[in-house]
Protein backbone atom coordinates (compact mmCIF):
# COMPACT_ATOMS: atom_id res chain seq x y z
CA MET A 1 4.72 28.07 17.47
CA LYS A 2 3.88 24.69 16.04
CA LEU A 3 3.29 21.51 17.96
CA ARG A 4 5.93 18.92 17.21
CA PHE A 5 5.72 15.18 17.07
CA ILE A 6 8.71 13.68 18.92
CA LEU A 7 9.04 10.05 17.92
CA PRO A 8 11.30 8.35 20.46
CA PHE A 9 9.18 9.33 23.45
CA LEU A 10 5.86 8.21 22.03
CA ALA A 11 3.52 6.34 24.32
CA PHE A 12 0.52 7.71 22.46
CA ASN A 13 -0.07 9.83 24.77
CA LEU A 14 2.45 11.64 22.50
CA ILE A 15 4.94 14.13 23.82
CA PHE A 16 5.11 17.39 21.91
CA SER A 17 7.38 20.39 21.87
CA SER A 18 6.28 23.91 20.98
CA CYS A 19 9.79 24.94 20.06
CA LYS A 20 11.87 24.29 16.98
CA LYS A 21 12.30 20.77 15.64
CA HIS A 22 14.64 18.43 17.52
CA ASP A 23 16.32 15.51 15.78
CA THR A 24 15.40 12.07 17.02
CA PRO A 25 18.27 10.77 19.18
CA GLY A 26 20.27 7.94 17.65
CA PRO A 27 20.90 6.83 14.07
CA VAL A 28 17.44 7.43 12.61
CA GLY A 29 17.05 11.08 13.56
CA LYS A 30 19.64 12.35 11.10
CA TYR A 31 17.71 11.14 8.06
CA PRO A 32 15.13 13.30 6.24
CA ALA A 33 11.63 12.05 5.43
CA ASP A 34 11.97 12.38 1.66
CA ILE A 35 12.19 8.62 1.06
CA ALA A 36 9.07 7.97 3.14
CA ASN A 37 7.16 10.67 1.25
CA ALA A 38 8.38 9.41 -2.12
CA TRP A 39 7.14 5.89 -1.47
CA MET A 40 3.78 7.11 -0.22
CA GLN A 41 3.43 9.27 -3.33
CA MET A 42 4.18 6.14 -5.35
CA GLN A 43 1.33 4.39 -3.51
CA ILE A 44 -0.97 7.30 -4.36
CA ARG A 45 0.02 7.15 -8.02
CA LEU A 46 -0.59 3.41 -8.18
CA THR A 47 -4.05 3.63 -6.60
CA ARG A 48 -5.01 6.07 -9.36
CA SER A 49 -3.88 3.81 -12.19
CA THR A 50 -4.37 0.21 -11.02
CA ALA A 51 -7.65 -1.60 -11.65
CA GLY A 52 -9.57 -2.56 -8.52
CA TYR A 53 -7.89 -0.09 -6.17
CA ASN A 54 -10.99 1.70 -5.02
CA SER A 55 -11.10 3.54 -1.69
CA VAL A 56 -11.82 0.41 0.34
CA VAL A 57 -8.99 -1.67 -1.12
CA SER A 58 -6.68 1.33 -0.83
CA ASP A 59 -7.46 1.84 2.87
CA ARG A 60 -5.86 -1.55 3.38
CA SER A 61 -2.83 -0.98 1.12
CA PHE A 62 -1.95 2.36 2.73
CA ALA A 63 -2.11 0.72 6.14
CA TYR A 64 0.26 -2.11 5.29
CA ALA A 65 2.57 0.33 3.52
CA GLY A 66 2.81 2.54 6.60
CA ILE A 67 3.35 -0.41 8.91
CA THR A 68 6.07 -1.80 6.64
CA MET A 69 7.83 1.53 6.48
CA TYR A 70 7.84 1.87 10.25
CA GLU A 71 8.86 -1.73 10.98
CA ALA A 72 11.73 -1.55 8.48
CA LEU A 73 13.07 1.43 10.38
CA VAL A 74 12.10 1.00 14.00
CA PRO A 75 15.11 -1.08 15.21
CA GLY A 76 17.23 1.96 14.42
CA ILE A 77 15.27 4.13 16.83
CA PRO A 78 16.51 4.02 20.45
CA ASN A 79 13.92 2.63 22.87
CA TYR A 80 11.67 1.66 19.98
CA GLN A 81 8.65 -0.58 20.23
CA SER A 82 7.39 -2.60 17.30
CA LEU A 83 3.74 -2.21 16.37
CA LEU A 84 3.42 -5.72 14.96
CA PRO A 85 2.93 -7.67 18.22
CA GLN A 86 0.25 -5.16 19.22
CA ILE A 87 -1.77 -5.54 16.02
CA GLY A 88 -1.61 -9.30 15.55
CA GLY A 89 1.64 -9.68 13.64
CA THR A 90 5.15 -10.86 14.49
CA ARG A 91 8.12 -8.54 14.33
CA VAL A 92 11.34 -9.39 12.54
CA ALA A 93 14.39 -9.34 14.80
CA THR A 94 17.72 -7.90 13.71
CA ASP A 95 20.89 -9.96 14.12
CA LYS A 96 23.38 -7.07 14.21
CA GLY A 97 23.89 -3.94 16.24
CA ARG A 98 21.80 -0.86 15.42
CA GLY A 99 24.80 0.93 13.96
CA GLN A 100 25.44 -1.84 11.43
CA TYR A 101 22.49 -0.82 9.23
CA TYR A 102 21.97 2.14 6.92
CA TRP A 103 18.30 2.55 7.79
CA PRO A 104 17.04 4.48 4.75
CA ALA A 105 18.17 1.51 2.63
CA SER A 106 15.99 -0.76 4.77
CA VAL A 107 12.95 1.44 4.12
CA ASN A 108 13.74 1.59 0.40
CA ALA A 109 14.08 -2.17 0.00
CA ALA A 110 11.03 -2.94 2.14
CA MET A 111 8.76 -0.50 0.37
CA ALA A 112 9.85 -1.59 -3.08
CA LEU A 113 9.15 -5.25 -2.33
CA LEU A 114 5.86 -4.65 -0.53
CA THR A 115 4.62 -2.26 -3.23
CA LYS A 116 5.34 -4.76 -6.01
CA SER A 117 3.62 -7.46 -3.97
CA PHE A 118 0.47 -5.42 -3.44
CA PHE A 119 0.34 -3.99 -6.96
CA LYS A 120 1.46 -7.02 -8.94
CA THR A 121 -1.39 -6.54 -11.44
CA THR A 122 -0.53 -2.93 -12.24
CA SER A 123 0.81 -1.92 -15.64
CA ALA A 124 4.32 -2.68 -16.85
CA VAL A 125 5.01 1.05 -16.83
CA ASN A 126 4.00 1.29 -13.18
CA LEU A 127 6.09 -1.73 -12.21
CA ALA A 128 9.07 -0.16 -13.95
CA SER A 129 8.50 3.06 -12.00
CA ILE A 130 8.67 1.11 -8.73
CA ASP A 131 12.01 -0.37 -9.79
CA SER A 132 13.25 3.05 -10.89
CA LEU A 133 12.42 4.67 -7.56
CA GLU A 134 14.17 1.91 -5.66
CA ALA A 135 17.22 2.12 -7.93
CA ALA A 136 17.45 5.91 -7.68
CA TYR A 137 17.62 5.83 -3.89
CA ALA A 138 19.95 2.83 -3.92
CA ALA A 139 22.40 4.74 -6.13
CA THR A 140 22.28 7.74 -3.82
CA PHE A 141 22.98 5.56 -0.79
CA GLN A 142 26.29 4.42 -2.29
CA THR A 143 27.72 7.86 -1.56
CA GLN A 144 26.27 8.03 1.96
CA SER A 145 27.29 4.79 3.66
CA ASP A 146 29.48 1.75 3.23
CA ALA A 147 28.39 -1.29 1.24
CA VAL A 148 28.13 -3.65 4.20
CA LYS A 149 25.74 -1.44 6.18
CA ILE A 150 23.65 -0.84 3.09
CA GLN A 151 23.39 -4.55 2.31
CA ASN A 152 22.55 -5.38 5.92
CA ALA A 153 19.71 -2.87 5.71
CA VAL A 154 18.48 -4.12 2.35
CA ASP A 155 18.36 -7.69 3.63
CA TYR A 156 16.49 -6.64 6.75
CA GLY A 157 14.00 -4.49 4.84
CA ARG A 158 13.16 -7.35 2.52
CA GLN A 159 12.65 -9.70 5.46
CA VAL A 160 10.23 -7.20 6.97
CA ALA A 161 8.31 -6.78 3.72
CA ASN A 162 8.04 -10.52 3.15
CA ASN A 163 6.88 -11.05 6.73
CA ILE A 164 4.20 -8.36 6.54
CA PHE A 165 2.96 -9.36 3.10
CA THR A 166 2.60 -12.99 4.15
CA TRP A 167 0.69 -11.87 7.24
CA SER A 168 -1.52 -9.57 5.17
CA SER A 169 -2.62 -12.46 2.98
CA THR A 170 -4.53 -13.98 5.91
CA ASP A 171 -6.67 -10.95 6.84
CA GLY A 172 -9.63 -11.80 4.63
CA ALA A 173 -8.92 -9.26 1.89
CA HIS A 174 -5.96 -10.76 0.04
CA GLU A 175 -5.94 -9.55 -3.59
CA ALA A 176 -9.26 -7.82 -2.97
CA TYR A 177 -8.69 -5.70 -6.09
CA SER A 178 -9.61 -8.79 -8.12
CA HIS A 179 -12.88 -9.64 -6.35
CA LEU A 180 -14.73 -6.42 -5.53
CA VAL A 181 -18.13 -8.10 -5.70
CA ASP A 182 -19.41 -11.52 -4.67
CA PRO A 183 -21.96 -12.79 -7.21
CA THR A 184 -23.26 -15.30 -4.65
CA PHE A 185 -24.06 -12.59 -2.10
CA THR A 186 -27.79 -12.04 -1.54
CA PRO A 187 -28.62 -8.49 -0.41
CA LYS A 188 -31.38 -7.93 2.12
CA GLY A 189 -34.91 -7.06 1.12
CA ASN A 190 -37.27 -7.78 -1.73
CA ARG A 191 -35.37 -5.60 -4.25
CA THR A 192 -38.34 -3.32 -4.91
CA GLY A 193 -36.92 -0.13 -3.46
CA HIS A 194 -39.98 0.19 -1.21
CA ASP A 195 -38.82 -1.78 1.82
CA GLY A 196 -35.98 0.45 2.97
CA TYR A 197 -33.19 -1.87 1.81
CA TRP A 198 -30.40 -1.03 -0.60
CA ILE A 199 -30.82 -1.62 -4.32
CA SER A 200 -28.64 -0.46 -7.20
CA THR A 201 -29.16 3.18 -8.15
CA THR A 202 -27.89 2.70 -11.72
CA LEU A 203 -30.37 4.12 -14.21
CA PRO A 204 -31.42 2.11 -17.28
CA PRO A 205 -30.22 1.13 -19.80
CA ALA A 206 -27.14 0.38 -17.70
CA ALA A 207 -27.24 -2.91 -15.83
CA PRO A 208 -27.84 -2.78 -12.06
CA ALA A 209 -24.61 -2.72 -10.08
CA LEU A 210 -23.77 -5.48 -7.64
CA PRO A 211 -22.90 -4.35 -4.09
CA VAL A 212 -19.13 -4.10 -3.61
CA HIS A 213 -17.20 -5.65 -0.72
CA PRO A 214 -20.17 -7.25 1.06
CA HIS A 215 -17.86 -9.16 3.43
CA TRP A 216 -15.31 -6.40 4.14
CA GLY A 217 -16.64 -5.93 7.64
CA ASP A 218 -15.50 -9.46 8.48
CA ASN A 219 -11.84 -8.74 7.71
CA ARG A 220 -9.25 -8.96 10.45
CA SER A 221 -8.63 -5.51 11.87
CA PHE A 222 -5.39 -4.26 13.37
CA ILE A 223 -7.13 -3.28 16.58
CA ALA A 224 -8.73 -6.53 17.71
CA SER A 225 -12.55 -6.63 17.46
CA ILE A 226 -12.73 -2.96 16.54
CA ALA A 227 -15.83 -3.41 14.38
CA ALA A 228 -17.82 -4.93 17.23
CA ALA A 229 -16.58 -2.27 19.65
CA THR A 230 -17.55 0.70 17.46
CA GLN A 231 -20.90 -0.25 15.91
CA PRO A 232 -23.51 2.53 16.04
CA GLY A 233 -27.20 2.07 16.67
CA PRO A 234 -29.67 1.65 13.79
CA PRO A 235 -30.58 4.41 11.33
CA ILE A 236 -33.89 6.28 11.42
CA ALA A 237 -36.75 3.84 10.89
CA TYR A 238 -37.82 3.55 7.26
CA SER A 239 -41.13 5.11 6.31
CA GLU A 240 -42.75 6.41 3.13
CA SER A 241 -45.08 8.76 5.00
CA ASP A 242 -44.40 12.39 4.12
CA HIS A 243 -44.80 13.27 7.81
CA SER A 244 -42.15 10.78 8.99
CA PRO A 245 -38.62 11.55 10.22
CA PHE A 246 -37.29 9.39 7.38
CA PHE A 247 -39.09 11.43 4.72
CA GLU A 248 -37.89 14.66 6.33
CA MET A 249 -34.32 13.36 6.31
CA VAL A 250 -34.46 12.58 2.58
CA ASN A 251 -36.32 15.77 1.78
CA GLU A 252 -33.53 17.80 3.39
CA LEU A 253 -31.07 16.30 0.92
CA TYR A 254 -33.45 16.70 -2.01
CA THR A 255 -34.13 20.35 -1.19
CA ILE A 256 -30.42 21.08 -0.92
CA SER A 257 -29.85 19.41 -4.31
CA LEU A 258 -32.18 21.92 -5.97
CA THR A 259 -30.30 24.99 -4.73
CA LEU A 260 -26.63 24.03 -4.80
CA THR A 261 -24.29 27.00 -4.98
CA HIS A 262 -21.04 26.98 -6.94
CA GLU A 263 -19.17 26.52 -3.66
CA ASP A 264 -21.41 23.56 -2.77
CA SER A 265 -20.60 21.91 -6.09
CA ILE A 266 -16.88 22.50 -5.61
CA ILE A 267 -16.99 20.88 -2.16
CA ALA A 268 -18.92 17.88 -3.49
CA LYS A 269 -16.42 17.35 -6.31
CA PHE A 270 -13.30 18.22 -4.28
CA TRP A 271 -14.00 15.28 -1.96
CA GLY A 272 -15.55 13.08 -4.65
CA ASP A 273 -13.97 9.66 -5.15
CA GLN A 274 -14.37 9.77 -8.93
CA PRO A 275 -12.23 9.48 -12.09
CA GLY A 276 -9.44 12.06 -12.11
CA ASN A 277 -9.51 12.50 -8.33
CA LEU A 278 -7.57 10.80 -5.60
CA ASN A 279 -9.62 8.18 -3.82
CA VAL A 280 -10.51 8.78 -0.18
CA PRO A 281 -7.43 7.30 1.60
CA ALA A 282 -5.10 8.59 -1.12
CA HIS A 283 -6.44 12.11 -0.57
CA ALA A 284 -6.05 11.81 3.21
CA THR A 285 -2.51 10.46 2.79
CA ASN A 286 -1.66 13.27 0.40
CA ILE A 287 -2.76 15.77 3.05
CA LEU A 288 -0.50 14.03 5.57
CA THR A 289 2.45 14.16 3.17
CA GLN A 290 1.96 17.90 2.71
CA LEU A 291 2.04 18.35 6.50
CA ILE A 292 5.14 16.17 6.91
CA VAL A 293 6.97 18.29 4.33
CA LYS A 294 5.75 21.58 5.80
CA ASN A 295 6.82 20.59 9.32
CA ASN A 296 10.16 19.11 8.25
CA PHE A 297 9.63 15.73 9.89
CA ASP A 298 12.53 13.34 9.99
CA LEU A 299 12.30 9.80 8.67
CA GLY A 300 11.34 8.20 11.98
CA GLU A 301 8.60 10.70 12.68
CA ALA A 302 7.15 10.36 9.20
CA ALA A 303 7.15 6.56 9.29
CA ALA A 304 5.35 6.44 12.64
CA VAL A 305 2.60 8.82 11.53
CA TYR A 306 2.11 7.07 8.20
CA ALA A 307 1.70 3.78 10.06
CA LEU A 308 -0.85 5.00 12.59
CA HIS A 309 -2.76 7.02 10.00
CA GLY A 310 -3.01 4.00 7.71
CA ILE A 311 -4.11 1.70 10.53
CA ALA A 312 -6.87 4.16 11.47
CA MET A 313 -8.21 4.35 7.91
CA ASN A 314 -8.12 0.58 7.42
CA ASP A 315 -9.88 -0.22 10.68
CA ALA A 316 -12.45 2.49 10.03
CA SER A 317 -13.28 0.91 6.68
CA ILE A 318 -13.78 -2.50 8.33
CA SER A 319 -16.06 -1.14 11.04
CA ILE A 320 -18.05 1.00 8.61
CA TRP A 321 -18.55 -1.83 6.14
CA LYS A 322 -19.82 -4.01 8.98
CA THR A 323 -22.40 -1.30 9.66
CA LYS A 324 -23.33 -0.87 6.01
CA TYR A 325 -24.20 -4.49 5.35
CA ASN A 326 -25.77 -5.01 8.76
CA TYR A 327 -28.44 -2.37 8.09
CA SER A 328 -28.30 -2.25 4.26
CA LEU A 329 -30.09 1.10 4.06
CA LEU A 330 -31.23 2.37 0.66
CA ARG A 331 -29.54 5.34 -0.98
CA PRO A 332 -31.19 8.76 -1.42
CA ALA A 333 -31.56 8.29 -5.17
CA THR A 334 -33.80 5.25 -4.67
CA TYR A 335 -36.17 7.05 -2.28
CA ILE A 336 -36.26 10.27 -4.28
CA ARG A 337 -37.08 8.41 -7.49
CA ASN A 338 -39.41 5.71 -6.19
CA VAL A 339 -41.17 7.39 -3.26
CA MET A 340 -40.93 11.14 -3.83
CA GLY A 341 -41.74 10.74 -7.53
CA HIS A 342 -38.69 12.20 -9.28
CA PRO A 343 -37.62 9.28 -11.49
CA THR A 344 -34.80 11.09 -13.32
CA TRP A 345 -33.18 12.67 -10.25
CA ASN A 346 -29.49 11.92 -9.91
CA SER A 347 -26.67 12.72 -7.53
CA VAL A 348 -23.88 15.20 -8.27
CA ILE A 349 -21.32 12.41 -8.28
CA PRO A 350 -22.12 8.75 -8.99
CA THR A 351 -23.74 6.96 -6.07
CA PRO A 352 -21.39 4.16 -4.92
CA PRO A 353 -22.71 0.59 -5.20
CA HIS A 354 -23.01 -0.28 -1.54
CA PRO A 355 -25.51 0.51 1.26
CA GLU A 356 -25.89 4.04 2.60
CA TYR A 357 -25.58 3.85 6.39
CA VAL A 358 -23.08 4.98 7.58
CA ALA A 359 -21.20 7.52 5.45
CA ALA A 360 -17.77 6.01 4.80
CA HIS A 361 -16.09 9.26 3.76
CA ALA A 362 -17.13 10.86 7.03
CA GLY A 363 -15.86 7.90 9.05
CA ILE A 364 -12.53 7.55 7.24
CA SER A 365 -11.91 11.30 7.40
CA ALA A 366 -12.74 11.43 11.10
CA ALA A 367 -10.36 8.56 11.84
CA SER A 368 -7.69 10.37 9.83
CA ALA A 369 -8.39 13.68 11.57
CA THR A 370 -8.17 12.09 15.03
CA VAL A 371 -4.63 10.87 14.36
CA LEU A 372 -3.58 14.12 12.68
CA GLU A 373 -4.81 16.37 15.46
CA LYS A 374 -2.93 14.29 18.02
CA VAL A 375 0.24 14.84 16.03
CA PHE A 376 -0.17 18.45 14.92
CA GLY A 377 -2.63 19.89 17.45
CA THR A 378 -6.36 20.38 17.88
CA ASN A 379 -6.50 23.87 16.38
CA TYR A 380 -3.87 23.40 13.68
CA SER A 381 -4.76 25.37 10.54
CA PHE A 382 -3.63 23.99 7.18
CA THR A 383 -4.23 24.25 3.44
CA ASP A 384 -4.81 21.27 1.20
CA HIS A 385 -3.19 21.71 -2.22
CA SER A 386 -4.26 18.35 -3.66
CA TYR A 387 -6.35 19.95 -6.42
CA ASP A 388 -4.91 23.42 -6.93
CA ALA A 389 -5.19 23.15 -10.71
CA THR A 390 -8.79 21.93 -10.79
CA TYR A 391 -10.84 22.94 -7.74
CA GLY A 392 -8.35 25.25 -6.03
CA ALA A 393 -6.73 25.02 -2.60
CA ARG A 394 -8.91 24.63 0.47
CA THR A 395 -7.93 25.89 3.91
CA PHE A 396 -9.18 24.43 7.19
CA SER A 397 -9.04 25.89 10.69
CA SER A 398 -8.62 22.43 12.23
CA PHE A 399 -8.62 18.74 11.42
CA ASP A 400 -12.13 18.53 12.80
CA ALA A 401 -13.17 21.10 10.16
CA TYR A 402 -11.49 18.98 7.48
CA ALA A 403 -13.38 15.85 8.53
CA LYS A 404 -16.70 17.67 8.79
CA GLU A 405 -16.37 19.22 5.33
CA ALA A 406 -15.41 15.87 3.84
CA GLY A 407 -18.48 14.36 5.48
CA ARG A 408 -20.83 17.18 4.45
CA SER A 409 -19.61 16.88 0.87
CA ARG A 410 -21.57 13.63 0.66
CA LEU A 411 -24.80 15.43 1.55
CA LEU A 412 -24.07 18.11 -1.06
CA ALA A 413 -23.24 15.38 -3.58
CA GLY A 414 -26.61 13.74 -2.93
CA ILE A 415 -25.35 10.34 -1.80
CA HIS A 416 -25.68 10.41 2.02
CA TYR A 417 -28.23 11.60 4.57
CA SER A 418 -27.20 14.02 7.33
CA PRO A 419 -27.62 11.51 10.21
CA SER A 420 -25.44 8.97 8.40
CA ILE A 421 -22.72 11.58 8.12
CA SER A 422 -22.83 12.62 11.77
CA THR A 423 -22.87 8.98 12.86
CA GLY A 424 -19.94 8.22 10.57
CA LEU A 425 -17.95 11.08 12.06
CA THR A 426 -18.54 9.71 15.55
CA GLN A 427 -17.67 6.17 14.52
CA GLY A 428 -14.45 7.31 12.83
CA ARG A 429 -13.34 9.29 15.86
CA GLN A 430 -13.94 6.29 18.11
CA ILE A 431 -11.71 4.21 15.87
CA GLY A 432 -8.98 6.84 15.65
CA THR A 433 -8.96 7.12 19.44
CA LYS A 434 -8.47 3.37 19.80
CA VAL A 435 -5.61 3.42 17.29
CA LEU A 436 -3.87 6.12 19.33
CA GLN A 437 -3.70 3.72 22.25
CA LEU A 438 -1.03 1.75 20.41
CA ARG A 439 2.36 2.16 22.02
CA ILE A 440 5.40 3.20 20.06
CA ASN A 441 7.63 3.46 23.11
């Protein structure tokens, strides 16, 4: 029997039931999660087709989307507790009784407005698709509730979205899709590739890449001071001696790169944040959507999990980027080419233009997995169908197994050392655990 996530009794410690699904008491529990899933799928689509929405920027947008969805709905849940005062924001009060709102209309209006605000530079076709999704649900609602309750909900949802978007603009990453790099930023080191510090791994004749998001670690997190609270110790000391721990660490990756199996290549590409794929938080969110559908969550349950899952990914990205630019460790490609003497060696997927330590995919996936296993159970087995048509489905015995494979994929891809992956997994779990201390009830 499956573990169930029962929204109105959440104190994170969550209360679960091993029996069949129970509706949430009160107005929200009778609504299905389809509108929540549809808007998150819209977010996924937009991250794939909007310039500047890399994994880091998208960690942030998925977080604010989940929070907005939950806050637009939460007054309709008996004994609710807003997340906003706990994460630095201010909640929007209702001015009517709970029964005077048609709550799915609040979610619809809030998500439409927030999505257009976050993706205002997307294509005209994408903007039209946002309007179309909002209009389709709005038309359906006309047959499900009276006009006054619908309008009350629409007005409230828009107030929530405006409030959250205004608050988001002060977190240090407003419109980050338009300024991925800072040309005035001076990376550490002498830029030779022989001092242990990061340099671009782009091969000539292409121009060297500037490091992306050098100040991301200074952004305001949802969990106060989470970056400072979750910083790991330093990486293995840099050395070019072939008897050093650092050389052995790189040589492990290099040796693996020479004998990759077909399965190894599939894993590297399945989790690769590259053209045609979902980026890292979009992939994690797509996994969550599959689980929400499979487990028949109601709207309140779905909104709460989307919110906490997004917060965990966002705060993990902030903490990890603080680590990256604090230590500014060089990537494997630099060492393999410059020190080990293999100048044409390249990684399976393109090496991202930012420092190596720690592995972000490992950290984000571990933060995601920590939230998911609290909701669905420690030993919950699931299959990810994100890439059935390209790489095939992948089945995992647990969320820990999912996070570890996502992390290991970076070793197989040739872009992260093993210790950076294991440290990232630990860092991500620490962050996810802190997010689960937020109180819903």
